[in-house]
C-alpha atoms as a PDB file:
ATOM      1  CA  MET A   1      11.282   6.811  -6.215  1.00  0.00           C
ATOM      2  CA  LYS A   2      10.248   6.871  -2.532  1.00  0.00           C
ATOM      3  CA  GLN A   3       9.871  10.441  -2.391  1.00  0.00           C
ATOM      4  CA  GLN A   4       7.789   9.925  -5.159  1.00  0.00           C
ATOM      5  CA  VAL A   5       5.496   7.593  -3.146  1.00  0.00           C
ATOM      6  CA  THR A   6       5.286   9.459  -0.143  1.00  0.00           C
ATOM      7  CA  GLU A   7       3.938  12.773  -2.173  1.00  0.00           C
ATOM      8  CA  ARG A   8       1.695  10.792  -4.090  1.00  0.00           C
ATOM      9  CA  ILE A   9       0.003   9.247  -0.401  1.00  0.00           C
ATOM     10  CA  ASN A  10       0.057  12.938   0.359  1.00  0.00           C
ATOM     11  CA  ILE A  11      -1.957  13.838  -3.254  1.00  0.00           C
ATOM     12  CA  PHE A  12      -4.470  11.765  -2.098  1.00  0.00           C
ATOM     13  CA  LEU A  13      -4.976  12.736   1.204  1.00  0.00           C
ATOM     14  CA  SER A  14      -5.109  15.848   0.551  1.00  0.00           C
ATOM     15  CA  SER A  15      -7.877  15.465  -1.970  1.00  0.00           C
ATOM     16  CA  ARG A  16      -9.825  12.999   0.822  1.00  0.00           C
ATOM     17  CA  GLY A  17      -8.804  16.129   3.282  1.00  0.00           C
ATOM     18  CA  VAL A  18      -7.816  13.543   5.495  1.00  0.00           C
ATOM     19  CA  LYS A  19      -5.297  14.674   8.688  1.00  0.00           C
ATOM     20  CA  LYS A  20      -2.657  12.658   9.227  1.00  0.00           C
ATOM     21  CA  VAL A  21      -3.660  12.797  13.321  1.00  0.00           C
ATOM     22  CA  ASP A  22      -6.944  11.486  11.924  1.00  0.00           C
ATOM     23  CA  LEU A  23      -5.703   9.153   9.801  1.00  0.00           C
ATOM     24  CA  ALA A  24      -3.022   7.809  12.886  1.00  0.00           C
ATOM     25  CA  GLU A  25      -6.222   7.007  14.585  1.00  0.00           C
ATOM     26  CA  LYS A  26      -7.696   5.215  12.477  1.00  0.00           C
ATOM     27  CA  LEU A  27      -4.808   2.987  12.092  1.00  0.00           C
ATOM     28  CA  GLY A  28      -3.944   2.672  15.652  1.00  0.00           C
ATOM     29  CA  TRP A  29      -0.807   4.195  15.209  1.00  0.00           C
ATOM     30  CA  LYS A  30       1.275   7.245  17.440  1.00  0.00           C
ATOM     31  CA  PRO A  31       0.370  10.677  15.289  1.00  0.00           C
ATOM     32  CA  ALA A  32       4.888  10.798  15.213  1.00  0.00           C
ATOM     33  CA  LYS A  33       5.058   7.094  13.259  1.00  0.00           C
ATOM     34  CA  LEU A  34       2.816   7.952  10.713  1.00  0.00           C
ATOM     35  CA  ILE A  35       3.923  11.851  10.482  1.00  0.00           C
ATOM     36  CA  SER A  36       7.303  10.393   9.930  1.00  0.00           C
ATOM     37  CA  GLN A  37       6.811   8.232   7.175  1.00  0.00           C
ATOM     38  CA  LEU A  38       4.565  11.078   4.627  1.00  0.00           C
ATOM     39  CA  ASN A  39       6.959  13.659   5.769  1.00  0.00           C
ATOM     40  CA  GLY A  40       9.703  11.557   4.613  1.00  0.00           C
ATOM     41  CA  GLN A  41      11.431  11.076   7.268  1.00  0.00           C
ATOM     42  CA  ARG A  42      11.686   7.434   7.445  1.00  0.00           C
ATOM     43  CA  GLY A  43      10.628   5.667   4.018  1.00  0.00           C
ATOM     44  CA  ILE A  44       7.049   4.710   3.563  1.00  0.00           C
ATOM     45  CA  SER A  45       6.427   0.878   5.002  1.00  0.00           C
ATOM     46  CA  LEU A  46       4.895  -2.065   3.908  1.00  0.00           C
ATOM     47  CA  ASP A  47       2.246  -2.123   6.546  1.00  0.00           C
ATOM     48  CA  LEU A  48       0.890   1.779   6.177  1.00  0.00           C
ATOM     49  CA  LEU A  49       0.281   0.842   2.394  1.00  0.00           C
ATOM     50  CA  CYS A  50      -1.540  -2.076   2.637  1.00  0.00           C
ATOM     51  CA  ALA A  51      -3.795   0.198   5.575  1.00  0.00           C
ATOM     52  CA  LEU A  52      -4.035   2.884   3.202  1.00  0.00           C
ATOM     53  CA  PHE A  53      -4.962   0.285   0.379  1.00  0.00           C
ATOM     54  CA  GLU A  54      -8.098  -1.326   2.768  1.00  0.00           C
ATOM     55  CA  ILE A  55      -9.289   2.184   4.627  1.00  0.00           C
ATOM     56  CA  TYR A  56      -9.346   3.632   1.068  1.00  0.00           C
ATOM     57  CA  PRO A  57      -9.963   0.863  -2.116  1.00  0.00           C
ATOM     58  CA  GLU A  58     -10.596   3.564  -4.365  1.00  0.00           C
ATOM     59  CA  ILE A  59      -7.160   4.716  -4.281  1.00  0.00           C
ATOM     60  CA  ASN A  60      -5.690   3.567  -7.628  1.00  0.00           C
ATOM     61  CA  LYS A  61      -2.485   2.053  -6.932  1.00  0.00           C
ATOM     62  CA  GLU A  62      -0.621   2.172 -10.913  1.00  0.00           C
ATOM     63  CA  TYR A  63      -1.106   6.134  -9.400  1.00  0.00           C
ATOM     64  CA  ILE A  64       1.035   5.315  -6.096  1.00  0.00           C
ATOM     65  CA  PHE A  65       3.487   3.696  -7.770  1.00  0.00           C
ATOM     66  CA  THR A  66       4.014   4.961 -10.532  1.00  0.00           C
ATOM     67  CA  GLY A  67       2.235   8.035 -11.075  1.00  0.00           C
ATOM     68  CA  LYS A  68       0.523   7.326 -14.139  1.00  0.00           C
ATOM     69  CA  GLY A  69      -3.700   7.275 -14.323  1.00  0.00           C
ATOM     70  CA  ASN A  70      -6.005   8.919 -11.785  1.00  0.00           C
ATOM     71  CA  VAL A  71      -5.158   9.820  -7.670  1.00  0.00           C
ATOM     72  CA  THR A  72      -8.463   7.604  -7.735  1.00  0.00           C
ATOM     73  CA  GLY A  73      -9.647   4.621  -9.596  1.00  0.00           C
ATOM     74  CA  PRO A  74      -8.334   2.752 -13.394  1.00  0.00           C
ATOM     75  CA  SER A  75      -6.196   4.724 -14.597  1.00  0.00           C
ATOM     76  CA  ASP A  76      -6.963   5.723 -18.405  1.00  0.00           C
ATOM     77  CA  SER A  77      -5.626   3.262 -19.574  1.00  0.00           C
ATOM     78  CA  ILE A  78      -6.422   0.378 -17.356  1.00  0.00           C
ATOM     79  CA  GLU A  79      -9.787   1.704 -18.348  1.00  0.00           C
ATOM     80  CA  GLU A  80      -9.782   1.707 -22.226  1.00  0.00           C
ATOM     81  CA  SER A  81      -7.810  -1.599 -22.412  1.00  0.00           C
ATOM     82  CA  LEU A  82     -10.898  -3.248 -20.132  1.00  0.00           C
ATOM     83  CA  GLN A  83     -13.260  -1.558 -22.935  1.00  0.00           C
ATOM     84  CA  LYS A  84     -11.245  -3.092 -25.544  1.00  0.00           C
ATOM     85  CA  GLU A  85     -11.082  -6.686 -24.147  1.00  0.00           C
ATOM     86  CA  ILE A  86     -14.816  -6.323 -23.331  1.00  0.00           C
ATOM     87  CA  LYS A  87     -15.303  -5.600 -27.468  1.00  0.00           C
ATOM     88  CA  GLU A  88     -13.461  -8.315 -28.344  1.00  0.00           C
ATOM     89  CA  MET A  89     -14.873 -10.509 -26.329  1.00  0.00           C
ATOM     90  CA  GLN A  90     -18.461  -9.358 -27.653  1.00  0.00           C
ATOM     91  CA  MET A  91     -17.408 -10.009 -31.152  1.00  0.00           C
ATOM     92  CA  LYS A  92     -16.140 -13.554 -30.248  1.00  0.00           C
ATOM     93  CA  LEU A  93     -19.326 -14.052 -28.744  1.00  0.00           C
ATOM     94  CA  ARG A  94     -21.065 -13.063 -31.248  1.00  0.00           C
ATOM     95  CA  GLU A  95     -19.173 -15.069 -33.674  1.00  0.00           C
ATOM     96  CA  LYS A  96     -19.825 -17.987 -31.507  1.00  0.00           C
ATOM     97  CA  ASP A  97     -24.133 -17.929 -31.415  1.00  0.00           C
ATOM     98  CA  ALA A  98     -23.570 -17.788 -35.200  1.00  0.00           C
ATOM     99  CA  GLN A  99     -21.741 -20.765 -35.187  1.00  0.00           C
ATOM    100  CA  ILE A 100     -24.291 -22.581 -32.892  1.00  0.00           C
ATOM    101  CA  LYS A 101     -27.206 -21.394 -35.088  1.00  0.00           C
ATOM    102  CA  VAL A 102     -25.444 -23.395 -38.129  1.00  0.00           C
ATOM    103  CA  LEU A 103     -24.472 -26.457 -36.249  1.00  0.00           C
ATOM    104  CA  LYS A 104     -28.419 -26.376 -34.997  1.00  0.00           C
ATOM    105  CA  SER A 105     -29.842 -26.323 -38.219  1.00  0.00           C
ATOM    106  CA  LEU A 106     -27.401 -28.875 -39.830  1.00  0.00           C
ATOM    107  CA  ILE A 107     -29.092 -31.182 -36.791  1.00  0.00           C
ATOM    108  CA  LYS A 108     -32.524 -30.410 -37.147  1.00  0.00           C
END
């Protein structure tokens, strides 16, 4: 799994045209430290993951950890789930609005 996470991080960085040396500078790290992690010589550290998620908030964490979804933004499955939930809530609101209308008419 470590290797897959490393590969996915490299895919993301490549898709953004980010050079490892430039990223190391942005992180305030020595290039060797970063490169050893991104080349798979060392495991990806929690510090690196946290820094990447902070610098690049568009990274799809689900993609990084599982390989599901798109490299950036929410995966399709999450987006579809949220849209379905929004529609269900809108229907419930309409029902509540109708109930309120009936109750108001009874009070008058």
